C-alpha atoms as a PDB file:
ATOM      1  CA  MET A   1       8.108   6.890 -10.944  1.00  0.00           C
ATOM      2  CA  GLU A   2       9.330   4.262 -12.927  1.00  0.00           C
ATOM      3  CA  HIS A   3       7.662   0.488 -13.977  1.00  0.00           C
ATOM      4  CA  LEU A   4       8.584  -2.734 -15.291  1.00  0.00           C
ATOM      5  CA  ARG A   5       6.296  -5.855 -16.031  1.00  0.00           C
ATOM      6  CA  SER A   6       7.729  -8.915 -16.398  1.00  0.00           C
ATOM      7  CA  GLY A   7       4.297 -12.035 -16.794  1.00  0.00           C
ATOM      8  CA  ASP A   8       2.451 -10.843 -13.239  1.00  0.00           C
ATOM      9  CA  ASP A   9       5.307  -8.910 -11.376  1.00  0.00           C
ATOM     10  CA  LEU A  10       5.408  -4.936 -11.024  1.00  0.00           C
ATOM     11  CA  PHE A  11       8.162  -3.459  -9.814  1.00  0.00           C
ATOM     12  CA  ILE A  12       7.818   0.466  -9.229  1.00  0.00           C
ATOM     13  CA  ARG A  13      10.585   2.929  -8.956  1.00  0.00           C
ATOM     14  CA  LEU A  14       9.293   6.294  -6.714  1.00  0.00           C
ATOM     15  CA  ASP A  15      11.906   9.116  -5.991  1.00  0.00           C
ATOM     16  CA  PRO A  16      12.014  11.513  -3.561  1.00  0.00           C
ATOM     17  CA  ASP A  17       8.831  13.888  -2.859  1.00  0.00           C
ATOM     18  CA  GLU A  18       6.105  10.636  -4.321  1.00  0.00           C
ATOM     19  CA  GLU A  19       3.418   8.861  -1.869  1.00  0.00           C
ATOM     20  CA  ILE A  20       3.235   5.742  -1.357  1.00  0.00           C
ATOM     21  CA  HIS A  21      -0.640   5.302  -1.722  1.00  0.00           C
ATOM     22  CA  ALA A  22      -1.114   7.668  -4.797  1.00  0.00           C
ATOM     23  CA  SER A  23       1.388   6.735  -6.830  1.00  0.00           C
ATOM     24  CA  ILE A  24       0.616   2.785  -6.312  1.00  0.00           C
ATOM     25  CA  GLN A  25      -3.157   3.841  -6.717  1.00  0.00           C
ATOM     26  CA  SER A  26      -1.799   5.289 -10.290  1.00  0.00           C
ATOM     27  CA  ILE A  27       0.691   2.699 -11.914  1.00  0.00           C
ATOM     28  CA  CYS A  28      -2.319   0.501 -11.222  1.00  0.00           C
ATOM     29  CA  THR A  29      -5.141   3.190 -12.467  1.00  0.00           C
ATOM     30  CA  ASP A  30      -2.931   3.403 -15.643  1.00  0.00           C
ATOM     31  CA  LEU A  31      -2.404  -0.534 -16.249  1.00  0.00           C
ATOM     32  CA  GLY A  32      -5.919  -1.275 -15.642  1.00  0.00           C
ATOM     33  CA  ILE A  33      -4.687  -3.434 -12.715  1.00  0.00           C
ATOM     34  CA  THR A  34      -7.776  -4.426 -10.426  1.00  0.00           C
ATOM     35  CA  GLY A  35      -5.478  -6.841  -7.737  1.00  0.00           C
ATOM     36  CA  ALA A  36      -2.519  -7.258  -7.081  1.00  0.00           C
ATOM     37  CA  ALA A  37      -0.766  -8.395  -3.977  1.00  0.00           C
ATOM     38  CA  VAL A  38       3.010  -5.606  -2.533  1.00  0.00           C
ATOM     39  CA  THR A  39       5.272  -8.388  -1.293  1.00  0.00           C
ATOM     40  CA  SER A  40       8.185  -6.249  -0.373  1.00  0.00           C
ATOM     41  CA  GLY A  41       8.974  -2.595  -0.475  1.00  0.00           C
ATOM     42  CA  ILE A  42      11.845  -1.196   0.674  1.00  0.00           C
ATOM     43  CA  GLY A  43      13.395   2.285   0.814  1.00  0.00           C
ATOM     44  CA  ARG A  44      13.559   5.697   2.494  1.00  0.00           C
ATOM     45  CA  ALA A  45      10.944   8.063   3.652  1.00  0.00           C
ATOM     46  CA  ARG A  46       9.781  10.823   5.434  1.00  0.00           C
ATOM     47  CA  ASP A  47       6.623  11.806   6.996  1.00  0.00           C
ATOM     48  CA  VAL A  48       4.935   8.525   7.627  1.00  0.00           C
ATOM     49  CA  ASP A  49       2.110   7.951   8.806  1.00  0.00           C
ATOM     50  CA  ILE A  50       1.383   4.827  11.681  1.00  0.00           C
ATOM     51  CA  GLY A  51      -1.559   3.074  13.200  1.00  0.00           C
ATOM     52  CA  TYR A  52      -3.114   0.263  14.335  1.00  0.00           C
ATOM     53  CA  LEU A  53      -6.933  -0.449  14.166  1.00  0.00           C
ATOM     54  CA  ASP A  54      -8.722  -0.685  17.974  1.00  0.00           C
ATOM     55  CA  ASP A  55     -10.958  -2.936  18.978  1.00  0.00           C
ATOM     56  CA  GLY A  56     -13.175  -0.689  18.661  1.00  0.00           C
ATOM     57  CA  GLY A  57     -13.059  -0.487  14.798  1.00  0.00           C
ATOM     58  CA  THR A  58     -11.177   3.516  15.280  1.00  0.00           C
ATOM     59  CA  TYR A  59      -7.468   3.594  14.098  1.00  0.00           C
ATOM     60  CA  GLN A  60      -5.327   5.558  16.680  1.00  0.00           C
ATOM     61  CA  ARG A  61      -2.282   6.714  14.567  1.00  0.00           C
ATOM     62  CA  VAL A  62       1.329   7.925  14.688  1.00  0.00           C
ATOM     63  CA  MET A  63       3.487  10.471  12.460  1.00  0.00           C
ATOM     64  CA  ILE A  64       7.353   9.601  12.324  1.00  0.00           C
ATOM     65  CA  ARG A  65       8.397  12.828  10.173  1.00  0.00           C
ATOM     66  CA  GLU A  66      12.276  12.201  10.157  1.00  0.00           C
ATOM     67  CA  THR A  67      13.408  10.622   7.970  1.00  0.00           C
ATOM     68  CA  VAL A  68      13.326   6.593   8.167  1.00  0.00           C
ATOM     69  CA  GLU A  69      14.404   3.452   6.392  1.00  0.00           C
ATOM     70  CA  LEU A  70      11.429   1.409   4.758  1.00  0.00           C
ATOM     71  CA  LEU A  71      12.267  -1.924   6.688  1.00  0.00           C
ATOM     72  CA  SER A  72       9.437  -3.630   4.711  1.00  0.00           C
ATOM     73  CA  LEU A  73       5.771  -3.115   2.947  1.00  0.00           C
ATOM     74  CA  GLN A  74       3.079  -5.776   1.898  1.00  0.00           C
ATOM     75  CA  GLY A  75      -0.033  -6.230   1.128  1.00  0.00           C
ATOM     76  CA  ASN A  76      -2.806  -5.718  -1.489  1.00  0.00           C
ATOM     77  CA  VAL A  77      -4.862  -3.769  -4.288  1.00  0.00           C
ATOM     78  CA  ALA A  78      -8.646  -4.202  -4.650  1.00  0.00           C
ATOM     79  CA  MET A  79     -11.241  -2.267  -5.860  1.00  0.00           C
ATOM     80  CA  LEU A  80     -13.436   0.263  -3.555  1.00  0.00           C
ATOM     81  CA  ASP A  81     -15.688   2.506  -6.132  1.00  0.00           C
ATOM     82  CA  GLY A  82     -14.570   1.735  -9.153  1.00  0.00           C
ATOM     83  CA  GLU A  83     -10.413   2.990  -8.162  1.00  0.00           C
ATOM     84  CA  PRO A  84      -7.818   1.043  -7.415  1.00  0.00           C
ATOM     85  CA  PHE A  85      -7.156   1.237  -3.055  1.00  0.00           C
ATOM     86  CA  THR A  86      -4.126   0.054  -1.348  1.00  0.00           C
ATOM     87  CA  HIS A  87      -4.059  -1.451   2.399  1.00  0.00           C
ATOM     88  CA  LEU A  88      -0.882  -1.325   3.274  1.00  0.00           C
ATOM     89  CA  HIS A  89       1.011  -2.191   6.209  1.00  0.00           C
ATOM     90  CA  THR A  90       4.615  -1.310   6.351  1.00  0.00           C
ATOM     91  CA  VAL A  91       8.386  -1.652   9.241  1.00  0.00           C
ATOM     92  CA  VAL A  92      10.544   1.781   9.166  1.00  0.00           C
ATOM     93  CA  SER A  93      13.688   2.181  11.695  1.00  0.00           C
ATOM     94  CA  ASP A  94      14.864   5.471  12.939  1.00  0.00           C
ATOM     95  CA  ASP A  95      18.569   5.673  12.420  1.00  0.00           C
ATOM     96  CA  ASP A  96      19.018   4.595  16.245  1.00  0.00           C
ATOM     97  CA  HIS A  97      17.440   1.693  14.419  1.00  0.00           C
ATOM     98  CA  VAL A  98      14.367   2.671  16.949  1.00  0.00           C
ATOM     99  CA  VAL A  99      11.652   0.058  14.828  1.00  0.00           C
ATOM    100  CA  ASN A 100       7.888   1.306  14.245  1.00  0.00           C
ATOM    101  CA  GLY A 101       5.519  -0.956  12.125  1.00  0.00           C
ATOM    102  CA  GLY A 102       1.620  -0.910  11.474  1.00  0.00           C
ATOM    103  CA  HIS A 103      -0.979   0.216   8.097  1.00  0.00           C
ATOM    104  CA  LEU A 104       0.925   2.608   6.838  1.00  0.00           C
ATOM    105  CA  PHE A 105      -1.840   5.234   6.237  1.00  0.00           C
ATOM    106  CA  SER A 106       0.959   7.626   3.563  1.00  0.00           C
ATOM    107  CA  ALA A 107       4.017   7.778   3.249  1.00  0.00           C
ATOM    108  CA  ILE A 108       6.224  10.239   1.045  1.00  0.00           C
ATOM    109  CA  ILE A 109       9.565   9.400   0.148  1.00  0.00           C
ATOM    110  CA  HIS A 110      12.499  10.277   0.565  1.00  0.00           C
ATOM    111  CA  VAL A 111      15.525   8.983  -0.959  1.00  0.00           C
ATOM    112  CA  THR A 112      14.079   5.909  -3.245  1.00  0.00           C
ATOM    113  CA  GLY A 113      11.810   3.451  -2.996  1.00  0.00           C
ATOM    114  CA  GLU A 114      11.583  -0.432  -4.593  1.00  0.00           C
ATOM    115  CA  ILE A 115       8.437  -1.657  -4.261  1.00  0.00           C
ATOM    116  CA  HIS A 116       6.764  -5.268  -5.980  1.00  0.00           C
ATOM    117  CA  LEU A 117       3.234  -6.734  -6.644  1.00  0.00           C
ATOM    118  CA  ARG A 118       2.358  -9.901  -8.384  1.00  0.00           C
ATOM    119  CA  ILE A 119      -0.721  -8.791 -10.365  1.00  0.00           C
ATOM    120  CA  LEU A 120      -3.503 -10.977  -9.552  1.00  0.00           C
ATOM    121  CA  ALA A 121      -6.005  -9.135 -11.537  1.00  0.00           C
ATOM    122  CA  GLU A 122      -6.473  -7.014 -14.920  1.00  0.00           C
ATOM    123  CA  GLY A 123      -9.355  -4.773 -16.400  1.00  0.00           C
ATOM    124  CA  ALA A 124     -13.156  -5.805 -15.813  1.00  0.00           C
ATOM    125  CA  SER A 125     -12.303  -9.766 -13.741  1.00  0.00           C
ATOM    126  CA  MET A 126     -11.537  -7.883  -9.626  1.00  0.00           C
ATOM    127  CA  PRO A 127     -11.238 -11.397  -7.547  1.00  0.00           C
ATOM    128  CA  MET A 128     -11.088  -8.760  -5.207  1.00  0.00           C
ATOM    129  CA  THR A 129     -13.033  -5.710  -4.146  1.00  0.00           C
ATOM    130  CA  ARG A 130     -13.312  -3.729  -0.471  1.00  0.00           C
ATOM    131  CA  CYS A 131     -17.353  -2.558   0.840  1.00  0.00           C
ATOM    132  CA  ARG A 132     -17.245  -0.981   3.667  1.00  0.00           C
ATOM    133  CA  LEU A 133     -18.406  -1.879   7.643  1.00  0.00           C
ATOM    134  CA  ALA A 134     -20.872   0.531   8.767  1.00  0.00           C
ATOM    135  CA  ASP A 135     -19.783   1.416  12.907  1.00  0.00           C
ATOM    136  CA  SER A 136     -15.995   0.629  11.423  1.00  0.00           C
ATOM    137  CA  GLN A 137     -12.993   2.455   9.956  1.00  0.00           C
ATOM    138  CA  PHE A 138     -11.676  -0.685   7.959  1.00  0.00           C
ATOM    139  CA  ILE A 139     -12.876  -1.140   4.700  1.00  0.00           C
ATOM    140  CA  PRO A 140     -12.750  -5.482   3.904  1.00  0.00           C
ATOM    141  CA  LEU A 141     -12.105  -7.384   1.820  1.00  0.00           C
ATOM    142  CA  LEU A 142     -14.492  -9.049  -0.348  1.00  0.00           C
ATOM    143  CA  PHE A 143     -14.135 -12.320  -2.509  1.00  0.00           C
ATOM    144  CA  GLU A 144     -15.822 -12.884  -5.698  1.00  0.00           C
ATOM    145  CA  GLN A 145     -17.749 -15.711  -5.437  1.00  0.00           C
ATOM    146  CA  GLU A 146     -16.865 -18.790  -8.582  1.00  0.00           C
ATOM    147  CA  ASP A 147     -20.554 -20.156  -9.529  1.00  0.00           C
END
C-alpha cells in the first residue's frame, strides 16, 4: 500500500491481498484523519462481500469469491468508538460484464486498488461520527452541531 497526499486529497494504491476497509482505516489512523469522503475506487478484487439493508434493518449479504473488476467505490470515513469507520458502497463486474453492487462489507485486492479520499477533518476536529441504533445493524452518521 502506498499513498500520496495533495492538500485535502488523498490518493491510495492498494496491493494484492490487502483488504479495502482495513487499509483505508489504517491510513486514516496513521494520518490522524477523522472524517473523509471516499469519492472513487477502481481496480480488481476478490472475495467481495456485498449486500443491502432490508426493511427490517438487517443486512442481506452475498459473497462473490471470483475476481471482479472494481468499477466504483464511494462512501465516507467517520469516527466510531474512537476509531476511523468506513461506510462503503461498490459496483463490481465479473468477466462476463455481469454487474453487482451494494454495501461493501469486505473485499480483498487481487491486482490493484486505486482509491481517492477527500479529507474533511483531522485530529480532534470531527464533523461527523457514527452512532449505533437499537434493533438495526445500520450505524448511521451523527453530525456535530455548531453552537
